Amino acid sequence: RSNLATELGFEFSSPDADKFIDEGDTLALGGKNGPAFEVLHLPGHT
């Protein structure tokens, strides 16, 4: 209901999250020289 699957006429459940992310967190790939992605919290749509 909260993920809106019922609005499309079916039930759905995803695997649980492995990691919670929030403003300022960084997800890095391939060690310190790999690309890094910074999390921006942008509420308002959800």
PDB file of all heavy atoms in Angstrom:
ATOM      1  N   ARG A   1       0.825  -1.207   0.000  1.00  0.00           N
ATOM      2  CA  ARG A   1       0.000   0.000   0.000  1.00  0.00           C
ATOM      3  C   ARG A   1       0.859   1.258   0.000  1.00  0.00           C
ATOM      4  O   ARG A   1       0.618   2.195  -0.764  1.00  0.00           O
ATOM      5  CB  ARG A   1      -0.950  -0.006   1.205  1.00  0.00           C
ATOM      6  CG  ARG A   1      -1.952   1.148   1.196  1.00  0.00           C
ATOM      7  CD  ARG A   1      -3.023   0.960   2.252  1.00  0.00           C
ATOM      8  NE  ARG A   1      -3.815  -0.229   2.008  1.00  0.00           N
ATOM      9  CZ  ARG A   1      -4.835  -0.278   1.161  1.00  0.00           C
ATOM     10  NH1 ARG A   1      -5.179   0.791   0.479  1.00  0.00           N
ATOM     11  NH2 ARG A   1      -5.513  -1.399   0.994  1.00  0.00           N
ATOM     12  N   SER A   2       1.894   1.268   0.827  1.00  0.00           N
ATOM     13  CA  SER A   2       2.711   2.483   0.909  1.00  0.00           C
ATOM     14  C   SER A   2       3.641   2.627  -0.287  1.00  0.00           C
ATOM     15  O   SER A   2       3.991   3.744  -0.667  1.00  0.00           O
ATOM     16  CB  SER A   2       3.517   2.506   2.213  1.00  0.00           C
ATOM     17  OG  SER A   2       4.384   1.410   2.317  1.00  0.00           O
ATOM     18  N   ASN A   3       4.051   1.511  -0.919  1.00  0.00           N
ATOM     19  CA  ASN A   3       4.898   1.657  -2.113  1.00  0.00           C
ATOM     20  C   ASN A   3       4.081   1.815  -3.399  1.00  0.00           C
ATOM     21  O   ASN A   3       4.647   1.920  -4.494  1.00  0.00           O
ATOM     22  CB  ASN A   3       5.912   0.513  -2.232  1.00  0.00           C
ATOM     23  CG  ASN A   3       5.292  -0.858  -2.482  1.00  0.00           C
ATOM     24  OD1 ASN A   3       4.297  -1.000  -3.186  1.00  0.00           O
ATOM     25  ND2 ASN A   3       5.915  -1.888  -1.905  1.00  0.00           N
ATOM     26  N   LEU A   4       2.747   1.815  -3.238  1.00  0.00           N
ATOM     27  CA  LEU A   4       1.791   2.089  -4.309  1.00  0.00           C
ATOM     28  C   LEU A   4       1.596   0.930  -5.281  1.00  0.00           C
ATOM     29  O   LEU A   4       0.978   1.098  -6.332  1.00  0.00           O
ATOM     30  CB  LEU A   4       2.158   3.366  -5.084  1.00  0.00           C
ATOM     31  CG  LEU A   4       2.317   4.647  -4.251  1.00  0.00           C
ATOM     32  CD1 LEU A   4       2.617   5.837  -5.163  1.00  0.00           C
ATOM     33  CD2 LEU A   4       1.080   4.911  -3.411  1.00  0.00           C
ATOM     34  N   ALA A   5       2.083  -0.256  -4.951  1.00  0.00           N
ATOM     35  CA  ALA A   5       1.817  -1.414  -5.802  1.00  0.00           C
ATOM     36  C   ALA A   5       0.321  -1.692  -5.899  1.00  0.00           C
ATOM     37  O   ALA A   5      -0.188  -2.071  -6.967  1.00  0.00           O
ATOM     38  CB  ALA A   5       2.546  -2.643  -5.270  1.00  0.00           C
ATOM     39  N   THR A   6      -0.395  -1.498  -4.792  1.00  0.00           N
ATOM     40  CA  THR A   6      -1.834  -1.750  -4.818  1.00  0.00           C
ATOM     41  C   THR A   6      -2.557  -0.809  -5.778  1.00  0.00           C
ATOM     42  O   THR A   6      -3.609  -1.157  -6.316  1.00  0.00           O
ATOM     43  CB  THR A   6      -2.443  -1.608  -3.410  1.00  0.00           C
ATOM     44  OG1 THR A   6      -2.098  -0.332  -2.858  1.00  0.00           O
ATOM     45  CG2 THR A   6      -1.922  -2.704  -2.488  1.00  0.00           C
ATOM     46  N   GLU A   7      -1.996   0.369  -6.000  1.00  0.00           N
ATOM     47  CA  GLU A   7      -2.591   1.305  -6.966  1.00  0.00           C
ATOM     48  C   GLU A   7      -2.533   0.741  -8.380  1.00  0.00           C
ATOM     49  O   GLU A   7      -3.344   1.110  -9.240  1.00  0.00           O
ATOM     50  CB  GLU A   7      -1.853   2.642  -6.916  1.00  0.00           C
ATOM     51  CG  GLU A   7      -1.952   3.378  -5.589  1.00  0.00           C
ATOM     52  CD  GLU A   7      -3.340   3.928  -5.334  1.00  0.00           C
ATOM     53  OE1 GLU A   7      -4.004   4.333  -6.309  1.00  0.00           O
ATOM     54  OE2 GLU A   7      -3.760   3.952  -4.158  1.00  0.00           O
ATOM     55  N   LEU A   8      -1.566  -0.154  -8.617  1.00  0.00           N
ATOM     56  CA  LEU A   8      -1.428  -0.777  -9.927  1.00  0.00           C
ATOM     57  C   LEU A   8      -2.061  -2.162  -9.961  1.00  0.00           C
ATOM     58  O   LEU A   8      -1.958  -2.875 -10.959  1.00  0.00           O
ATOM     59  CB  LEU A   8       0.051  -0.871 -10.310  1.00  0.00           C
ATOM     60  CG  LEU A   8       0.788   0.464 -10.444  1.00  0.00           C
ATOM     61  CD1 LEU A   8       2.260   0.226 -10.794  1.00  0.00           C
ATOM     62  CD2 LEU A   8       0.128   1.353 -11.488  1.00  0.00           C
ATOM     63  N   GLY A   9      -2.701  -2.566  -8.851  1.00  0.00           N
ATOM     64  CA  GLY A   9      -3.475  -3.789  -8.834  1.00  0.00           C
ATOM     65  C   GLY A   9      -2.739  -5.052  -8.444  1.00  0.00           C
ATOM     66  O   GLY A   9      -3.200  -6.153  -8.774  1.00  0.00           O
ATOM     67  N   PHE A  10      -1.612  -4.943  -7.735  1.00  0.00           N
ATOM     68  CA  PHE A  10      -0.920  -6.148  -7.311  1.00  0.00           C
ATOM     69  C   PHE A  10      -0.204  -5.915  -5.993  1.00  0.00           C
ATOM     70  O   PHE A  10      -0.109  -4.782  -5.502  1.00  0.00           O
ATOM     71  CB  PHE A  10       0.068  -6.634  -8.383  1.00  0.00           C
ATOM     72  CG  PHE A  10       1.210  -5.694  -8.675  1.00  0.00           C
ATOM     73  CD1 PHE A  10       2.438  -5.845  -8.058  1.00  0.00           C
ATOM     74  CD2 PHE A  10       1.054  -4.652  -9.599  1.00  0.00           C
ATOM     75  CE1 PHE A  10       3.491  -4.994  -8.334  1.00  0.00           C
ATOM     76  CE2 PHE A  10       2.098  -3.794  -9.885  1.00  0.00           C
ATOM     77  CZ  PHE A  10       3.329  -3.964  -9.245  1.00  0.00           C
ATOM     78  N   GLU A  11       0.282  -7.005  -5.401  1.00  0.00           N
ATOM     79  CA  GLU A  11       1.038  -6.949  -4.169  1.00  0.00           C
ATOM     80  C   GLU A  11       2.523  -7.114  -4.486  1.00  0.00           C
ATOM     81  O   GLU A  11       2.888  -7.836  -5.425  1.00  0.00           O
ATOM     82  CB  GLU A  11       0.602  -8.063  -3.205  1.00  0.00           C
ATOM     83  CG  GLU A  11      -0.862  -7.987  -2.793  1.00  0.00           C
ATOM     84  CD  GLU A  11      -1.161  -6.786  -1.916  1.00  0.00           C
ATOM     85  OE1 GLU A  11      -0.360  -6.523  -0.997  1.00  0.00           O
ATOM     86  OE2 GLU A  11      -2.181  -6.122  -2.160  1.00  0.00           O
ATOM     87  N   PHE A  12       3.374  -6.459  -3.704  1.00  0.00           N
ATOM     88  CA  PHE A  12       4.812  -6.556  -3.966  1.00  0.00           C
ATOM     89  C   PHE A  12       5.591  -6.359  -2.681  1.00  0.00           C
ATOM     90  O   PHE A  12       5.262  -5.503  -1.859  1.00  0.00           O
ATOM     91  CB  PHE A  12       5.262  -5.488  -4.971  1.00  0.00           C
ATOM     92  CG  PHE A  12       6.753  -5.453  -5.170  1.00  0.00           C
ATOM     93  CD1 PHE A  12       7.368  -6.364  -6.004  1.00  0.00           C
ATOM     94  CD2 PHE A  12       7.527  -4.527  -4.494  1.00  0.00           C
ATOM     95  CE1 PHE A  12       8.754  -6.349  -6.174  1.00  0.00           C
ATOM     96  CE2 PHE A  12       8.908  -4.502  -4.657  1.00  0.00           C
ATOM     97  CZ  PHE A  12       9.521  -5.414  -5.496  1.00  0.00           C
ATOM     98  N   SER A  13       6.645  -7.148  -2.542  1.00  0.00           N
ATOM     99  CA  SER A  13       7.564  -6.990  -1.420  1.00  0.00           C
ATOM    100  C   SER A  13       8.994  -7.157  -1.916  1.00  0.00           C
ATOM    101  O   SER A  13       9.325  -8.161  -2.553  1.00  0.00           O
ATOM    102  CB  SER A  13       7.269  -8.019  -0.326  1.00  0.00           C
ATOM    103  OG  SER A  13       8.141  -7.856   0.767  1.00  0.00           O
ATOM    104  N   SER A  14       9.818  -6.163  -1.645  1.00  0.00           N
ATOM    105  CA  SER A  14      11.237  -6.202  -2.005  1.00  0.00           C
ATOM    106  C   SER A  14      12.035  -6.839  -0.879  1.00  0.00           C
ATOM    107  O   SER A  14      11.607  -6.840   0.283  1.00  0.00           O
ATOM    108  CB  SER A  14      11.745  -4.771  -2.234  1.00  0.00           C
ATOM    109  OG  SER A  14      13.155  -4.696  -2.182  1.00  0.00           O
ATOM    110  N   PRO A  15      13.210  -7.374  -1.175  1.00  0.00           N
ATOM    111  CA  PRO A  15      14.130  -7.721  -0.086  1.00  0.00           C
ATOM    112  C   PRO A  15      14.402  -6.497   0.792  1.00  0.00           C
ATOM    113  O   PRO A  15      14.299  -5.354   0.336  1.00  0.00           O
ATOM    114  CB  PRO A  15      15.403  -8.154  -0.823  1.00  0.00           C
ATOM    115  CG  PRO A  15      14.943  -8.554  -2.184  1.00  0.00           C
ATOM    116  CD  PRO A  15      13.778  -7.673  -2.494  1.00  0.00           C
ATOM    117  N   ASP A  16      14.726  -6.740   2.039  1.00  0.00           N
ATOM    118  CA  ASP A  16      15.027  -5.639   2.955  1.00  0.00           C
ATOM    119  C   ASP A  16      16.259  -4.872   2.504  1.00  0.00           C
ATOM    120  O   ASP A  16      17.113  -5.390   1.768  1.00  0.00           O
ATOM    121  CB  ASP A  16      15.269  -6.172   4.369  1.00  0.00           C
ATOM    122  CG  ASP A  16      14.017  -6.738   5.010  1.00  0.00           C
ATOM    123  OD1 ASP A  16      12.911  -6.334   4.598  1.00  0.00           O
ATOM    124  OD2 ASP A  16      14.151  -7.577   5.917  1.00  0.00           O
ATOM    125  N   ALA A  17      16.375  -3.654   2.992  1.00  0.00           N
ATOM    126  CA  ALA A  17      17.577  -2.855   2.734  1.00  0.00           C
ATOM    127  C   ALA A  17      18.777  -3.468   3.452  1.00  0.00           C
ATOM    128  O   ALA A  17      18.661  -3.957   4.573  1.00  0.00           O
ATOM    129  CB  ALA A  17      17.364  -1.425   3.196  1.00  0.00           C
ATOM    130  N   ASP A  18      19.908  -3.423   2.786  1.00  0.00           N
ATOM    131  CA  ASP A  18      21.166  -3.813   3.407  1.00  0.00           C
ATOM    132  C   ASP A  18      21.848  -2.624   4.077  1.00  0.00           C
ATOM    133  O   ASP A  18      22.662  -2.796   4.988  1.00  0.00           O
ATOM    134  CB  ASP A  18      22.124  -4.380   2.354  1.00  0.00           C
ATOM    135  CG  ASP A  18      21.575  -5.630   1.693  1.00  0.00           C
ATOM    136  OD1 ASP A  18      21.490  -6.661   2.376  1.00  0.00           O
ATOM    137  OD2 ASP A  18      21.228  -5.562   0.492  1.00  0.00           O
ATOM    138  N   LYS A  19      21.484  -1.426   3.623  1.00  0.00           N
ATOM    139  CA  LYS A  19      22.178  -0.232   4.103  1.00  0.00           C
ATOM    140  C   LYS A  19      21.226   0.959   4.037  1.00  0.00           C
ATOM    141  O   LYS A  19      20.573   1.186   3.018  1.00  0.00           O
ATOM    142  CB  LYS A  19      23.403   0.038   3.208  1.00  0.00           C
ATOM    143  CG  LYS A  19      24.313   1.174   3.632  1.00  0.00           C
ATOM    144  CD  LYS A  19      25.460   1.306   2.631  1.00  0.00           C
ATOM    145  CE  LYS A  19      26.460   2.375   3.037  1.00  0.00           C
ATOM    146  NZ  LYS A  19      27.255   1.975   4.219  1.00  0.00           N
ATOM    147  N   PHE A  20      21.137   1.710   5.128  1.00  0.00           N
ATOM    148  CA  PHE A  20      20.391   2.962   5.126  1.00  0.00           C
ATOM    149  C   PHE A  20      21.350   4.101   4.770  1.00  0.00           C
ATOM    150  O   PHE A  20      22.477   4.151   5.266  1.00  0.00           O
ATOM    151  CB  PHE A  20      19.751   3.230   6.483  1.00  0.00           C
ATOM    152  CG  PHE A  20      18.693   2.237   6.877  1.00  0.00           C
ATOM    153  CD1 PHE A  20      18.630   1.734   8.163  1.00  0.00           C
ATOM    154  CD2 PHE A  20      17.750   1.805   5.955  1.00  0.00           C
ATOM    155  CE1 PHE A  20      17.655   0.819   8.530  1.00  0.00           C
ATOM    156  CE2 PHE A  20      16.769   0.895   6.306  1.00  0.00           C
ATOM    157  CZ  PHE A  20      16.721   0.397   7.591  1.00  0.00           C
ATOM    158  N   ILE A  21      20.878   5.008   3.915  1.00  0.00           N
ATOM    159  CA  ILE A  21      21.708   6.129   3.484  1.00  0.00           C
ATOM    160  C   ILE A  21      21.004   7.434   3.799  1.00  0.00           C
ATOM    161  O   ILE A  21      19.775   7.519   3.785  1.00  0.00           O
ATOM    162  CB  ILE A  21      22.043   6.041   1.991  1.00  0.00           C
ATOM    163  CG1 ILE A  21      20.771   5.845   1.135  1.00  0.00           C
ATOM    164  CG2 ILE A  21      23.035   4.904   1.745  1.00  0.00           C
ATOM    165  CD1 ILE A  21      21.034   5.823  -0.360  1.00  0.00           C
ATOM    166  N   ASP A  22      21.796   8.460   4.067  1.00  0.00           N
ATOM    167  CA  ASP A  22      21.243   9.753   4.465  1.00  0.00           C
ATOM    168  C   ASP A  22      22.162  10.870   3.985  1.00  0.00           C
ATOM    169  O   ASP A  22      23.271  10.615   3.488  1.00  0.00           O
ATOM    170  CB  ASP A  22      21.060   9.810   5.990  1.00  0.00           C
ATOM    171  CG  ASP A  22      20.015  10.823   6.427  1.00  0.00           C
ATOM    172  OD1 ASP A  22      19.588  11.662   5.595  1.00  0.00           O
ATOM    173  OD2 ASP A  22      19.626  10.789   7.600  1.00  0.00           O
ATOM    174  N   GLU A  23      21.716  12.079   4.164  1.00  0.00           N
ATOM    175  CA  GLU A  23      22.444  13.273   3.753  1.00  0.00           C
ATOM    176  C   GLU A  23      23.916  13.210   4.148  1.00  0.00           C
ATOM    177  O   GLU A  23      24.258  12.966   5.298  1.00  0.00           O
ATOM    178  CB  GLU A  23      21.804  14.506   4.399  1.00  0.00           C
ATOM    179  CG  GLU A  23      22.465  15.824   4.084  1.00  0.00           C
ATOM    180  CD  GLU A  23      22.052  16.382   2.732  1.00  0.00           C
ATOM    181  OE1 GLU A  23      20.987  15.980   2.216  1.00  0.00           O
ATOM    182  OE2 GLU A  23      22.794  17.227   2.202  1.00  0.00           O
ATOM    183  N   GLY A  24      24.789  13.411   3.153  1.00  0.00           N
ATOM    184  CA  GLY A  24      26.212  13.468   3.417  1.00  0.00           C
ATOM    185  C   GLY A  24      26.931  12.131   3.380  1.00  0.00           C
ATOM    186  O   GLY A  24      28.167  12.099   3.374  1.00  0.00           O
ATOM    187  N   ASP A  25      26.188  11.025   3.360  1.00  0.00           N
ATOM    188  CA  ASP A  25      26.841   9.725   3.233  1.00  0.00           C
ATOM    189  C   ASP A  25      27.497   9.615   1.860  1.00  0.00           C
ATOM    190  O   ASP A  25      27.078  10.271   0.892  1.00  0.00           O
ATOM    191  CB  ASP A  25      25.834   8.584   3.396  1.00  0.00           C
ATOM    192  CG  ASP A  25      25.355   8.416   4.824  1.00  0.00           C
ATOM    193  OD1 ASP A  25      26.006   8.963   5.737  1.00  0.00           O
ATOM    194  OD2 ASP A  25      24.327   7.737   5.028  1.00  0.00           O
ATOM    195  N   THR A  26      28.515   8.777   1.767  1.00  0.00           N
ATOM    196  CA  THR A  26      29.229   8.568   0.512  1.00  0.00           C
ATOM    197  C   THR A  26      29.269   7.079   0.184  1.00  0.00           C
ATOM    198  O   THR A  26      29.555   6.251   1.049  1.00  0.00           O
ATOM    199  CB  THR A  26      30.666   9.109   0.595  1.00  0.00           C
ATOM    200  OG1 THR A  26      30.632  10.523   0.852  1.00  0.00           O
ATOM    201  CG2 THR A  26      31.408   8.862  -0.707  1.00  0.00           C
ATOM    202  N   LEU A  27      28.964   6.765  -1.062  1.00  0.00           N
ATOM    203  CA  LEU A  27      29.094   5.408  -1.577  1.00  0.00           C
ATOM    204  C   LEU A  27      30.245   5.413  -2.570  1.00  0.00           C
ATOM    205  O   LEU A  27      30.164   6.056  -3.622  1.00  0.00           O
ATOM    206  CB  LEU A  27      27.801   4.958  -2.260  1.00  0.00           C
ATOM    207  CG  LEU A  27      26.542   4.930  -1.379  1.00  0.00           C
ATOM    208  CD1 LEU A  27      25.322   4.569  -2.218  1.00  0.00           C
ATOM    209  CD2 LEU A  27      26.705   3.956  -0.220  1.00  0.00           C
ATOM    210  N   ALA A  28      31.326   4.729  -2.222  1.00  0.00           N
ATOM    211  CA  ALA A  28      32.525   4.723  -3.056  1.00  0.00           C
ATOM    212  C   ALA A  28      32.672   3.381  -3.751  1.00  0.00           C
ATOM    213  O   ALA A  28      32.360   2.331  -3.186  1.00  0.00           O
ATOM    214  CB  ALA A  28      33.755   5.020  -2.213  1.00  0.00           C
ATOM    215  N   LEU A  29      33.178   3.411  -4.972  1.00  0.00           N
ATOM    216  CA  LEU A  29      33.384   2.201  -5.761  1.00  0.00           C
ATOM    217  C   LEU A  29      34.870   1.997  -6.023  1.00  0.00           C
ATOM    218  O   LEU A  29      35.579   2.939  -6.387  1.00  0.00           O
ATOM    219  CB  LEU A  29      32.655   2.306  -7.099  1.00  0.00           C
ATOM    220  CG  LEU A  29      31.144   2.534  -7.060  1.00  0.00           C
ATOM    221  CD1 LEU A  29      30.603   2.585  -8.481  1.00  0.00           C
ATOM    222  CD2 LEU A  29      30.455   1.427  -6.281  1.00  0.00           C
ATOM    223  N   GLY A  30      35.338   0.797  -5.833  1.00  0.00           N
ATOM    224  CA  GLY A  30      36.681   0.449  -6.245  1.00  0.00           C
ATOM    225  C   GLY A  30      37.798   1.089  -5.449  1.00  0.00           C
ATOM    226  O   GLY A  30      38.875   1.349  -5.987  1.00  0.00           O
ATOM    227  N   GLY A  31      37.575   1.361  -4.171  1.00  0.00           N
ATOM    228  CA  GLY A  31      38.644   1.940  -3.352  1.00  0.00           C
ATOM    229  C   GLY A  31      38.717   3.440  -3.456  1.00  0.00           C
ATOM    230  O   GLY A  31      37.882   4.095  -4.087  1.00  0.00           O
ATOM    231  N   LYS A  32      39.758   4.027  -2.873  1.00  0.00           N
ATOM    232  CA  LYS A  32      39.842   5.478  -2.738  1.00  0.00           C
ATOM    233  C   LYS A  32      39.997   6.200  -4.070  1.00  0.00           C
ATOM    234  O   LYS A  32      39.705   7.391  -4.175  1.00  0.00           O
ATOM    235  CB  LYS A  32      40.989   5.855  -1.804  1.00  0.00           C
ATOM    236  CG  LYS A  32      42.369   5.484  -2.318  1.00  0.00           C
ATOM    237  CD  LYS A  32      43.447   5.913  -1.321  1.00  0.00           C
ATOM    238  CE  LYS A  32      44.847   5.578  -1.833  1.00  0.00           C
ATOM    239  NZ  LYS A  32      45.888   6.004  -0.872  1.00  0.00           N
ATOM    240  N   ASN A  33      40.460   5.493  -5.102  1.00  0.00           N
ATOM    241  CA  ASN A  33      40.636   6.131  -6.406  1.00  0.00           C
ATOM    242  C   ASN A  33      39.430   5.940  -7.321  1.00  0.00           C
ATOM    243  O   ASN A  33      39.430   6.422  -8.457  1.00  0.00           O
ATOM    244  CB  ASN A  33      41.889   5.580  -7.088  1.00  0.00           C
ATOM    245  CG  ASN A  33      43.162   5.958  -6.349  1.00  0.00           C
ATOM    246  OD1 ASN A  33      43.288   7.071  -5.841  1.00  0.00           O
ATOM    247  ND2 ASN A  33      44.104   5.030  -6.280  1.00  0.00           N
ATOM    248  N   GLY A  34      38.416   5.233  -6.846  1.00  0.00           N
ATOM    249  CA  GLY A  34      37.232   5.000  -7.652  1.00  0.00           C
ATOM    250  C   GLY A  34      36.226   6.131  -7.501  1.00  0.00           C
ATOM    251  O   GLY A  34      36.390   7.038  -6.678  1.00  0.00           O
ATOM    252  N   PRO A  35      35.168   6.115  -8.306  1.00  0.00           N
ATOM    253  CA  PRO A  35      34.142   7.158  -8.209  1.00  0.00           C
ATOM    254  C   PRO A  35      33.410   7.099  -6.874  1.00  0.00           C
ATOM    255  O   PRO A  35      33.187   6.023  -6.318  1.00  0.00           O
ATOM    256  CB  PRO A  35      33.202   6.841  -9.376  1.00  0.00           C
ATOM    257  CG  PRO A  35      33.419   5.393  -9.659  1.00  0.00           C
ATOM    258  CD  PRO A  35      34.859   5.112  -9.342  1.00  0.00           C
ATOM    259  N   ALA A  36      33.058   8.244  -6.360  1.00  0.00           N
ATOM    260  CA  ALA A  36      32.320   8.343  -5.097  1.00  0.00           C
ATOM    261  C   ALA A  36      31.028   9.108  -5.342  1.00  0.00           C
ATOM    262  O   ALA A  36      30.994  10.083  -6.093  1.00  0.00           O
ATOM    263  CB  ALA A  36      33.163   9.037  -4.038  1.00  0.00           C
ATOM    264  N   PHE A  37      29.974   8.658  -4.691  1.00  0.00           N
ATOM    265  CA  PHE A  37      28.647   9.238  -4.858  1.00  0.00           C
ATOM    266  C   PHE A  37      28.162   9.743  -3.511  1.00  0.00           C
ATOM    267  O   PHE A  37      28.073   8.996  -2.544  1.00  0.00           O
ATOM    268  CB  PHE A  37      27.679   8.196  -5.413  1.00  0.00           C
ATOM    269  CG  PHE A  37      28.088   7.645  -6.746  1.00  0.00           C
ATOM    270  CD1 PHE A  37      29.014   6.611  -6.833  1.00  0.00           C
ATOM    271  CD2 PHE A  37      27.565   8.171  -7.908  1.00  0.00           C
ATOM    272  CE1 PHE A  37      29.394   6.101  -8.060  1.00  0.00           C
ATOM    273  CE2 PHE A  37      27.947   7.670  -9.149  1.00  0.00           C
ATOM    274  CZ  PHE A  37      28.870   6.639  -9.223  1.00  0.00           C
ATOM    275  N   GLU A  38      27.826  11.026  -3.462  1.00  0.00           N
ATOM    276  CA  GLU A  38      27.366  11.659  -2.234  1.00  0.00           C
ATOM    277  C   GLU A  38      25.842  11.666  -2.182  1.00  0.00           C
ATOM    278  O   GLU A  38      25.177  11.987  -3.172  1.00  0.00           O
ATOM    279  CB  GLU A  38      27.889  13.097  -2.163  1.00  0.00           C
ATOM    280  CG  GLU A  38      27.427  13.883  -0.958  1.00  0.00           C
ATOM    281  CD  GLU A  38      27.862  15.334  -1.010  1.00  0.00           C
ATOM    282  OE1 GLU A  38      28.724  15.675  -1.839  1.00  0.00           O
ATOM    283  OE2 GLU A  38      27.309  16.140  -0.228  1.00  0.00           O
ATOM    284  N   VAL A  39      25.290  11.325  -1.043  1.00  0.00           N
ATOM    285  CA  VAL A  39      23.840  11.277  -0.880  1.00  0.00           C
ATOM    286  C   VAL A  39      23.308  12.663  -0.505  1.00  0.00           C
ATOM    287  O   VAL A  39      23.816  13.304   0.410  1.00  0.00           O
ATOM    288  CB  VAL A  39      23.443  10.257   0.208  1.00  0.00           C
ATOM    289  CG1 VAL A  39      21.924  10.256   0.416  1.00  0.00           C
ATOM    290  CG2 VAL A  39      23.937   8.858  -0.164  1.00  0.00           C
ATOM    291  N   LEU A  40      22.277  13.107  -1.236  1.00  0.00           N
ATOM    292  CA  LEU A  40      21.540  14.322  -0.901  1.00  0.00           C
ATOM    293  C   LEU A  40      20.131  13.904  -0.485  1.00  0.00           C
ATOM    294  O   LEU A  40      19.435  13.220  -1.243  1.00  0.00           O
ATOM    295  CB  LEU A  40      21.451  15.273  -2.098  1.00  0.00           C
ATOM    296  CG  LEU A  40      22.750  15.715  -2.770  1.00  0.00           C
ATOM    297  CD1 LEU A  40      22.430  16.682  -3.914  1.00  0.00           C
ATOM    298  CD2 LEU A  40      23.690  16.359  -1.783  1.00  0.00           C
ATOM    299  N   HIS A  41      19.694  14.288   0.704  1.00  0.00           N
ATOM    300  CA  HIS A  41      18.328  13.991   1.127  1.00  0.00           C
ATOM    301  C   HIS A  41      17.413  15.047   0.524  1.00  0.00           C
ATOM    302  O   HIS A  41      17.556  16.246   0.798  1.00  0.00           O
ATOM    303  CB  HIS A  41      18.253  14.008   2.658  1.00  0.00           C
ATOM    304  CG  HIS A  41      16.931  13.552   3.187  1.00  0.00           C
ATOM    305  ND1 HIS A  41      16.467  13.909   4.440  1.00  0.00           N
ATOM    306  CD2 HIS A  41      15.953  12.774   2.651  1.00  0.00           C
ATOM    307  CE1 HIS A  41      15.282  13.374   4.641  1.00  0.00           C
ATOM    308  NE2 HIS A  41      14.943  12.685   3.566  1.00  0.00           N
ATOM    309  N   LEU A  42      16.471  14.608  -0.313  1.00  0.00           N
ATOM    310  CA  LEU A  42      15.585  15.518  -1.044  1.00  0.00           C
ATOM    311  C   LEU A  42      14.121  15.154  -0.812  1.00  0.00           C
ATOM    312  O   LEU A  42      13.383  14.818  -1.743  1.00  0.00           O
ATOM    313  CB  LEU A  42      15.901  15.467  -2.546  1.00  0.00           C
ATOM    314  CG  LEU A  42      17.324  15.836  -2.963  1.00  0.00           C
ATOM    315  CD1 LEU A  42      17.535  15.556  -4.454  1.00  0.00           C
ATOM    316  CD2 LEU A  42      17.599  17.308  -2.656  1.00  0.00           C
ATOM    317  N   PRO A  43      13.641  15.212   0.439  1.00  0.00           N
ATOM    318  CA  PRO A  43      12.242  14.867   0.701  1.00  0.00           C
ATOM    319  C   PRO A  43      11.279  15.862   0.072  1.00  0.00           C
ATOM    320  O   PRO A  43      11.636  17.002  -0.225  1.00  0.00           O
ATOM    321  CB  PRO A  43      12.159  14.897   2.231  1.00  0.00           C
ATOM    322  CG  PRO A  43      13.254  15.830   2.651  1.00  0.00           C
ATOM    323  CD  PRO A  43      14.360  15.631   1.655  1.00  0.00           C
ATOM    324  N   GLY A  44      10.063  15.402  -0.111  1.00  0.00           N
ATOM    325  CA  GLY A  44       9.011  16.223  -0.702  1.00  0.00           C
ATOM    326  C   GLY A  44       8.148  15.405  -1.636  1.00  0.00           C
ATOM    327  O   GLY A  44       6.927  15.564  -1.675  1.00  0.00           O
ATOM    328  N   HIS A  45       8.770  14.511  -2.405  1.00  0.00           N
ATOM    329  CA  HIS A  45       8.016  13.514  -3.177  1.00  0.00           C
ATOM    330  C   HIS A  45       7.664  12.357  -2.247  1.00  0.00           C
ATOM    331  O   HIS A  45       6.528  11.882  -2.226  1.00  0.00           O
ATOM    332  CB  HIS A  45       8.855  13.035  -4.356  1.00  0.00           C
ATOM    333  CG  HIS A  45       8.196  11.994  -5.203  1.00  0.00           C
ATOM    334  ND1 HIS A  45       7.035  12.225  -5.908  1.00  0.00           N
ATOM    335  CD2 HIS A  45       8.540  10.699  -5.460  1.00  0.00           C
ATOM    336  CE1 HIS A  45       6.687  11.127  -6.564  1.00  0.00           C
ATOM    337  NE2 HIS A  45       7.583  10.179  -6.298  1.00  0.00           N
ATOM    338  N   THR A  46       8.644  11.892  -1.490  1.00  0.00           N
ATOM    339  CA  THR A  46       8.441  11.007  -0.345  1.00  0.00           C
ATOM    340  C   THR A  46       9.310  11.528   0.791  1.00  0.00           C
ATOM    341  O   THR A  46      10.174  12.382   0.587  1.00  0.00           O
ATOM    342  CB  THR A  46       8.856   9.545  -0.654  1.00  0.00           C
ATOM    343  OG1 THR A  46      10.278   9.504  -0.854  1.00  0.00           O
ATOM    344  CG2 THR A  46       8.138   8.996  -1.867  1.00  0.00           C
TER     345      THR A  46
END
